[in-house]
Amino acid sequence: MVVKMDVFEIGDVYIDFPFERAKFRFDKATHKIYLRFYGEGEDEVPWNHELFREAILSGMQITREDYYSD
């Protein structure tokens, strides 16, 4: 499943990438990307982060609640 790029213009975006047990959060207010592995805290990553690019192509968009659960 591909995450459509237009969702990044609308608001915050949350992506689950279960293959790597990772989740991503795009904060629209700051235009920053955050990565958190399941059960861990989050770290800021650049837009060109390899896992983030893979998650856009193979991950699935999730809700804020899903992002913070696990």
Protein backbone atom coordinates (compact mmCIF):
# COMPACT_ATOMS: atom_id res chain seq x y z
CA MET A 1 0.00 0.00 0.00
CA VAL A 2 1.39 3.39 -0.98
CA VAL A 3 0.90 6.44 1.25
CA LYS A 4 -0.33 9.21 -1.04
CA MET A 5 1.82 12.33 -0.96
CA ASP A 6 -1.15 14.70 -0.80
CA VAL A 7 -1.88 13.62 2.80
CA PHE A 8 1.28 15.47 3.87
CA GLU A 9 -0.36 18.74 2.78
CA ILE A 10 -3.49 18.13 4.85
CA GLY A 11 -2.12 17.56 8.36
CA ASP A 12 -0.12 15.26 10.59
CA VAL A 13 0.55 11.84 9.06
CA TYR A 14 1.20 8.55 10.85
CA ILE A 15 2.64 5.52 9.06
CA ASP A 16 3.11 1.95 10.25
CA PHE A 17 5.89 -0.09 8.65
CA PRO A 18 5.46 -3.52 10.30
CA PHE A 19 8.16 -5.18 8.20
CA GLU A 20 10.76 -3.19 10.18
CA ARG A 21 8.61 -2.88 13.33
CA ALA A 22 8.73 0.89 12.87
CA LYS A 23 6.30 3.79 12.82
CA PHE A 24 6.72 7.29 11.43
CA ARG A 25 5.08 10.58 12.31
CA PHE A 26 5.04 13.68 10.13
CA ASP A 27 4.39 16.85 12.12
CA LYS A 28 2.79 19.32 9.71
CA ALA A 29 3.42 22.34 11.95
CA THR A 30 7.20 21.82 11.93
CA HIS A 31 7.53 19.68 8.78
CA LYS A 32 9.62 17.19 10.76
CA ILE A 33 9.63 13.40 10.52
CA TYR A 34 9.90 11.18 13.58
CA LEU A 35 10.70 7.47 13.74
CA ARG A 36 9.87 5.12 16.57
CA PHE A 37 10.45 1.41 16.67
CA TYR A 38 7.72 -0.60 18.35
CA GLY A 39 7.85 -0.14 22.12
CA GLU A 40 10.53 2.58 22.01
CA GLY A 41 10.72 6.37 22.00
CA GLU A 42 10.89 8.49 18.88
CA ASP A 43 13.76 10.27 17.16
CA GLU A 44 13.74 12.91 14.46
CA VAL A 45 14.94 11.67 11.06
CA PRO A 46 15.56 13.49 7.77
CA TRP A 47 13.11 13.37 4.86
CA ASN A 48 15.51 11.22 2.88
CA HIS A 49 15.78 8.55 5.59
CA GLU A 50 15.83 5.16 3.84
CA LEU A 51 13.24 3.48 6.09
CA PHE A 52 10.92 6.47 5.75
CA ARG A 53 11.05 6.23 1.95
CA GLU A 54 10.34 2.49 2.15
CA ALA A 55 7.47 3.09 4.58
CA ILE A 56 5.82 5.52 2.16
CA LEU A 57 5.91 2.82 -0.53
CA SER A 58 5.14 -0.27 1.56
CA GLY A 59 3.67 0.92 4.86
CA MET A 60 0.14 1.94 5.72
CA GLN A 61 -1.31 5.13 7.04
CA ILE A 62 -2.58 4.78 10.61
CA THR A 63 -4.26 6.97 13.22
CA ARG A 64 -2.52 8.98 15.93
CA GLU A 65 -3.82 6.48 18.49
CA ASP A 66 -2.33 3.57 16.54
CA TYR A 67 1.01 5.38 16.34
CA TYR A 68 1.29 5.68 20.12
CA SER A 69 -0.08 2.22 20.94
CA ASP A 70 2.13 -0.84 21.53
